[in-house]
Amino acid sequence: MMMSRGLLSVHGFILRFAMLAIVAAVATVSSMSHANAQSLDEILSRKKIVVGLIQDFPPFGFINAEQRPAGYDVDVAQLMGKYLGVDVELVPVSGANRIPYLLSKRVDILVASLGITPERAKQVVFTIPYAATQSTVIAPVSTRIKTLDDLAGIRVAVARGSSNDIFISKMAPKGINLQRFDGEGVTSQALLSGQVQALVMTNTMLPSVLKSAGDNKLESKIVLQQQENAIALRRDAMELRQWINTFIYYIKNNGELDAIHRKWLEAPLPTLRTF
């Protein structure tokens, strides 16, 4: 009888231990599911999407005077949350760690000014483009520049060694007076002071240059090249990718994405090439 009670006691202990182990395992799986939401249903269920965001690339992402994330990418992410009906948690990432953050499941998606390249597509899956950066020729409104050939005989400033320098050096017509300066700030100042007649720079700098110009009206004349940016997901997140593609398509057509572009880049949304 004593042995039977002992066996029952041991049996009860084993049963309780097994139940605790099952509860712990369920809690762990639940926690992992919460942290690593992958499907659209999981995000809707937990009522939150975790977005990786670059915060040192204005006007796409930066910290404003109130010490809050702001910019083009922030507005797109928040609008996405609105359409999903979920909260948006913004996680700061850098250019170097943004893909590792996604692959290690620290974020659900990247809205982080990520250019579409075949090399990156080995690691992540891209949505259709939601933004683009452009190398553009900027000049006073009164200056007649409609084609690259119109740059012949014109003093054109560019930041030495930049991607813009590479593009214009390859594409420039004979007779262009290309003047190289050290840094974007000095380069834009050369145009504002009248030292040059035109400037080649990335359109992300355009709003600040236009503000600095004051009454000297400037405008973008020619786009030399365009790099589309897309939202990135893990490669098995195809259902979520399809929803985000639909979201981007919808806000492109209803004007909301154009409004965000005009707000931050002071220009209409460019035609975004798709695939």
Protein backbone atom coordinates (compact mmCIF):
# COMPACT_ATOMS: atom_id res chain seq x y z
CA MET A 1 0.00 0.00 0.00
CA MET A 2 2.82 2.41 0.89
CA MET A 3 4.55 1.55 -2.37
CA SER A 4 1.29 2.16 -4.29
CA ARG A 5 0.93 5.63 -2.71
CA GLY A 6 4.56 6.39 -3.55
CA LEU A 7 4.04 5.39 -7.13
CA LEU A 8 0.92 7.55 -7.31
CA SER A 9 2.87 10.48 -5.86
CA VAL A 10 5.65 10.08 -8.39
CA HIS A 11 3.10 9.68 -11.15
CA GLY A 12 1.38 12.89 -10.06
CA PHE A 13 4.67 14.77 -9.98
CA ILE A 14 5.54 13.58 -13.50
CA LEU A 15 2.08 14.54 -14.73
CA ARG A 16 2.32 18.03 -13.23
CA PHE A 17 5.83 18.48 -14.65
CA ALA A 18 4.64 17.41 -18.09
CA MET A 19 1.72 19.86 -17.93
CA LEU A 20 4.04 22.72 -16.93
CA ALA A 21 6.37 21.84 -19.78
CA ILE A 22 3.48 21.93 -22.25
CA VAL A 23 2.29 25.29 -20.92
CA ALA A 24 5.83 26.70 -21.16
CA ALA A 25 6.21 25.39 -24.71
CA VAL A 26 2.89 26.94 -25.75
CA ALA A 27 3.90 30.25 -24.17
CA THR A 28 7.24 30.16 -25.98
CA VAL A 29 5.60 29.45 -29.32
CA SER A 30 3.07 32.21 -28.65
CA SER A 31 5.87 34.63 -27.77
CA MET A 32 7.84 33.72 -30.88
CA SER A 33 4.74 34.14 -33.01
CA HIS A 34 4.16 37.58 -31.47
CA ALA A 35 7.73 38.69 -32.06
CA ASN A 36 8.15 37.16 -35.50
CA ALA A 37 4.85 37.81 -37.19
CA GLN A 38 5.17 36.78 -40.80
CA SER A 39 1.71 36.38 -42.27
CA LEU A 40 -0.97 38.99 -42.77
CA ASP A 41 -3.27 37.13 -40.36
CA GLU A 42 -0.62 37.16 -37.62
CA ILE A 43 -0.15 40.92 -37.95
CA LEU A 44 -3.91 41.53 -37.91
CA SER A 45 -4.27 39.25 -34.89
CA ARG A 46 -1.61 40.96 -32.80
CA LYS A 47 -2.78 44.39 -34.04
CA LYS A 48 0.74 45.66 -34.72
CA ILE A 49 3.30 45.73 -37.51
CA VAL A 50 6.99 46.24 -36.71
CA VAL A 51 8.74 48.38 -39.31
CA GLY A 52 12.48 48.89 -39.77
CA LEU A 53 13.20 52.53 -40.61
CA ILE A 54 16.35 54.51 -41.42
CA GLN A 55 16.56 57.71 -39.36
CA ASP A 56 19.57 59.46 -40.89
CA PHE A 57 18.44 59.93 -44.49
CA PRO A 58 16.25 63.06 -44.77
CA PRO A 59 13.71 63.65 -46.10
CA PHE A 60 12.93 59.90 -46.16
CA GLY A 61 13.73 59.25 -42.52
CA PHE A 62 15.10 61.47 -39.74
CA ILE A 63 14.49 62.62 -36.16
CA ASN A 64 12.59 65.93 -36.05
CA ALA A 65 12.81 68.80 -33.58
CA GLU A 66 10.37 67.00 -31.26
CA GLN A 67 12.74 63.99 -31.23
CA ARG A 68 10.26 61.89 -33.16
CA PRO A 69 10.81 59.88 -36.35
CA ALA A 70 9.63 61.83 -39.40
CA GLY A 71 9.87 61.76 -43.16
CA TYR A 72 8.57 60.11 -46.31
CA ASP A 73 9.14 56.54 -45.12
CA VAL A 74 7.50 57.27 -41.76
CA ASP A 75 4.38 58.64 -43.45
CA VAL A 76 4.16 55.59 -45.74
CA ALA A 77 4.55 53.22 -42.77
CA GLN A 78 1.92 55.05 -40.72
CA LEU A 79 -0.49 55.10 -43.65
CA MET A 80 0.05 51.35 -44.07
CA GLY A 81 -0.84 50.84 -40.42
CA LYS A 82 -4.00 52.89 -40.93
CA TYR A 83 -5.11 50.71 -43.84
CA LEU A 84 -4.25 47.53 -41.92
CA GLY A 85 -6.05 48.83 -38.83
CA VAL A 86 -3.03 48.08 -36.61
CA ASP A 87 -0.45 49.99 -34.60
CA VAL A 88 2.94 50.71 -36.16
CA GLU A 89 6.11 50.13 -34.15
CA LEU A 90 9.09 51.91 -35.73
CA VAL A 91 12.50 50.31 -35.15
CA PRO A 92 15.58 52.36 -36.16
CA VAL A 93 17.96 50.58 -38.54
CA SER A 94 21.06 51.63 -40.46
CA GLY A 95 22.04 51.08 -44.06
CA ALA A 96 24.36 48.28 -42.93
CA ASN A 97 22.07 46.41 -40.53
CA ARG A 98 18.62 46.86 -42.07
CA ILE A 99 18.62 43.53 -43.96
CA PRO A 100 20.11 41.59 -40.99
CA TYR A 101 17.36 43.07 -38.76
CA LEU A 102 14.74 41.76 -41.19
CA LEU A 103 16.30 38.31 -41.60
CA SER A 104 16.75 37.89 -37.83
CA LYS A 105 13.03 38.71 -37.41
CA ARG A 106 13.58 41.80 -35.30
CA VAL A 107 11.25 43.62 -37.71
CA ASP A 108 8.39 42.42 -39.91
CA ILE A 109 9.23 44.62 -42.92
CA LEU A 110 11.64 47.34 -44.02
CA VAL A 111 10.39 50.73 -45.16
CA ALA A 112 13.96 51.97 -45.27
CA SER A 113 14.80 53.57 -48.63
CA LEU A 114 16.03 50.23 -49.97
CA GLY A 115 16.96 50.32 -53.65
CA ILE A 116 15.95 47.30 -55.73
CA THR A 117 18.94 45.22 -56.86
CA PRO A 118 19.39 41.58 -57.93
CA GLU A 119 22.02 41.12 -55.22
CA ARG A 120 19.65 42.19 -52.44
CA ALA A 121 16.89 40.04 -53.95
CA LYS A 122 18.98 36.98 -53.05
CA GLN A 123 18.18 37.75 -49.40
CA VAL A 124 14.82 39.55 -49.38
CA VAL A 125 11.70 39.86 -51.47
CA PHE A 126 10.73 43.32 -52.74
CA THR A 127 7.33 44.90 -53.24
CA ILE A 128 6.57 47.14 -56.18
CA PRO A 129 8.30 50.55 -55.79
CA TYR A 130 6.83 53.14 -53.45
CA ALA A 131 9.51 55.85 -53.94
CA ALA A 132 12.53 56.77 -56.03
CA THR A 133 15.67 58.84 -55.82
CA GLN A 134 16.81 60.73 -58.87
CA SER A 135 19.99 62.34 -60.12
CA THR A 136 18.72 65.59 -61.56
CA VAL A 137 19.93 68.80 -63.18
CA ILE A 138 18.76 71.87 -61.24
CA ALA A 139 18.84 75.38 -62.65
CA PRO A 140 16.95 78.69 -62.50
CA VAL A 141 13.47 78.58 -64.02
CA SER A 142 14.60 81.15 -66.61
CA THR A 143 17.47 78.95 -67.86
CA ARG A 144 16.53 76.98 -70.95
CA ILE A 145 17.58 73.37 -70.36
CA LYS A 146 15.40 70.66 -71.86
CA THR A 147 17.95 68.09 -73.00
CA LEU A 148 21.51 67.13 -72.14
CA ASP A 149 22.72 68.91 -75.28
CA ASP A 150 21.50 72.18 -73.76
CA LEU A 151 24.26 71.87 -71.15
CA ALA A 152 26.92 72.60 -73.77
CA GLY A 153 28.64 75.87 -72.91
CA ILE A 154 27.02 76.00 -69.45
CA ARG A 155 28.87 76.01 -66.12
CA VAL A 156 27.55 72.97 -64.22
CA ALA A 157 28.46 72.14 -60.60
CA VAL A 158 28.71 68.63 -59.15
CA ALA A 159 30.07 67.10 -55.94
CA ARG A 160 33.47 65.62 -56.68
CA GLY A 161 33.54 61.81 -56.79
CA SER A 162 29.81 61.42 -56.14
CA SER A 163 27.50 59.13 -58.12
CA ASN A 164 26.17 62.29 -59.76
CA ASP A 165 29.72 63.13 -60.86
CA ILE A 166 30.02 59.69 -62.45
CA PHE A 167 26.67 59.99 -64.28
CA ILE A 168 27.17 63.49 -65.67
CA SER A 169 30.78 62.78 -66.65
CA LYS A 170 29.62 59.86 -68.79
CA MET A 171 26.56 61.55 -70.25
CA ALA A 172 27.63 65.19 -70.63
CA PRO A 173 27.80 66.73 -74.13
CA LYS A 174 30.96 68.24 -75.57
CA GLY A 175 31.49 71.80 -74.49
CA ILE A 176 30.03 71.45 -70.99
CA ASN A 177 31.96 73.39 -68.35
CA LEU A 178 31.81 70.86 -65.52
CA GLN A 179 33.03 72.26 -62.20
CA ARG A 180 33.62 69.88 -59.29
CA PHE A 181 33.33 70.91 -55.63
CA ASP A 182 34.06 69.09 -52.39
CA GLY A 183 30.71 68.25 -50.77
CA GLU A 184 27.05 68.79 -51.57
CA GLY A 185 26.79 71.97 -49.48
CA VAL A 186 29.58 73.77 -51.33
CA THR A 187 28.22 72.49 -54.64
CA SER A 188 24.72 73.88 -54.04
CA GLN A 189 26.18 77.17 -52.80
CA ALA A 190 28.00 77.55 -56.12
CA LEU A 191 24.61 77.62 -57.86
CA LEU A 192 22.96 79.89 -55.29
CA SER A 193 25.81 82.42 -55.54
CA GLY A 194 25.73 82.47 -59.35
CA GLN A 195 29.17 80.90 -59.68
CA VAL A 196 27.62 78.23 -61.91
CA GLN A 197 24.45 78.15 -64.01
CA ALA A 198 23.27 74.63 -63.16
CA LEU A 199 23.79 71.91 -60.59
CA VAL A 200 23.68 68.11 -60.67
CA MET A 201 22.48 66.57 -57.43
CA THR A 202 20.14 63.98 -55.91
CA ASN A 203 16.53 65.11 -55.64
CA THR A 204 16.53 64.41 -51.89
CA MET A 205 18.53 67.65 -51.54
CA LEU A 206 16.12 69.64 -53.70
CA PRO A 207 13.78 70.94 -50.95
CA SER A 208 16.62 72.48 -48.92
CA VAL A 209 18.20 74.03 -52.03
CA LEU A 210 14.85 75.51 -53.10
CA LYS A 211 14.35 77.02 -49.64
CA SER A 212 17.85 78.50 -49.68
CA ALA A 213 17.24 80.02 -53.11
CA GLY A 214 14.51 82.33 -51.80
CA ASP A 215 13.20 84.50 -54.62
CA ASN A 216 15.69 82.99 -57.08
CA LYS A 217 13.33 80.38 -58.48
CA LEU A 218 14.97 77.05 -59.23
CA GLU A 219 13.57 73.85 -60.70
CA SER A 220 14.56 70.33 -61.74
CA LYS A 221 15.30 70.34 -65.46
CA ILE A 222 16.48 66.84 -66.44
CA VAL A 223 16.49 63.48 -64.67
CA LEU A 224 19.76 61.69 -65.42
CA GLN A 225 18.90 58.42 -63.71
CA GLN A 226 16.35 57.01 -61.28
CA GLN A 227 16.68 54.39 -58.54
CA GLU A 228 13.40 52.92 -57.30
CA ASN A 229 12.99 52.04 -53.64
CA ALA A 230 10.78 49.20 -52.42
CA ILE A 231 9.53 47.75 -49.17
CA ALA A 232 11.43 44.56 -48.28
CA LEU A 233 10.16 41.40 -46.60
CA ARG A 234 11.52 37.96 -45.79
CA ARG A 235 11.34 35.64 -48.78
CA ASP A 236 8.56 33.46 -47.40
CA ALA A 237 6.23 36.41 -46.71
CA MET A 238 4.48 36.30 -50.07
CA GLU A 239 0.96 36.73 -48.69
CA LEU A 240 1.97 39.88 -46.82
CA ARG A 241 3.86 41.10 -49.89
CA GLN A 242 0.70 40.76 -51.97
CA TRP A 243 -1.26 42.91 -49.51
CA ILE A 244 1.47 45.59 -49.46
CA ASN A 245 1.61 45.59 -53.28
CA THR A 246 -2.15 46.18 -53.30
CA PHE A 247 -1.73 48.97 -50.72
CA ILE A 248 0.97 50.72 -52.79
CA TYR A 249 -1.08 50.35 -55.97
CA TYR A 250 -4.11 51.83 -54.21
CA ILE A 251 -2.39 54.88 -52.69
CA LYS A 252 -0.62 55.59 -55.99
CA ASN A 253 -3.98 55.74 -57.73
CA ASN A 254 -5.92 57.69 -55.09
CA GLY A 255 -3.26 60.41 -54.78
CA GLU A 256 -2.14 59.74 -51.19
CA LEU A 257 1.37 58.67 -52.20
CA ASP A 258 1.71 61.71 -54.46
CA ALA A 259 0.69 63.93 -51.51
CA ILE A 260 3.43 62.38 -49.34
CA HIS A 261 5.99 62.93 -52.12
CA ARG A 262 4.97 66.58 -52.57
CA LYS A 263 5.12 67.11 -48.81
CA TRP A 264 8.69 65.88 -48.40
CA LEU A 265 10.30 66.39 -51.83
CA GLU A 266 8.23 69.37 -53.04
CA ALA A 267 7.65 67.71 -56.41
CA PRO A 268 5.10 65.34 -57.95
CA LEU A 269 5.56 61.61 -57.51
CA PRO A 270 7.66 60.40 -60.46
CA THR A 271 6.56 57.51 -62.65
CA LEU A 272 7.69 54.44 -60.74
CA ARG A 273 8.84 51.56 -62.90
CA THR A 274 7.47 48.24 -61.74
CA PHE A 275 8.00 44.54 -62.29
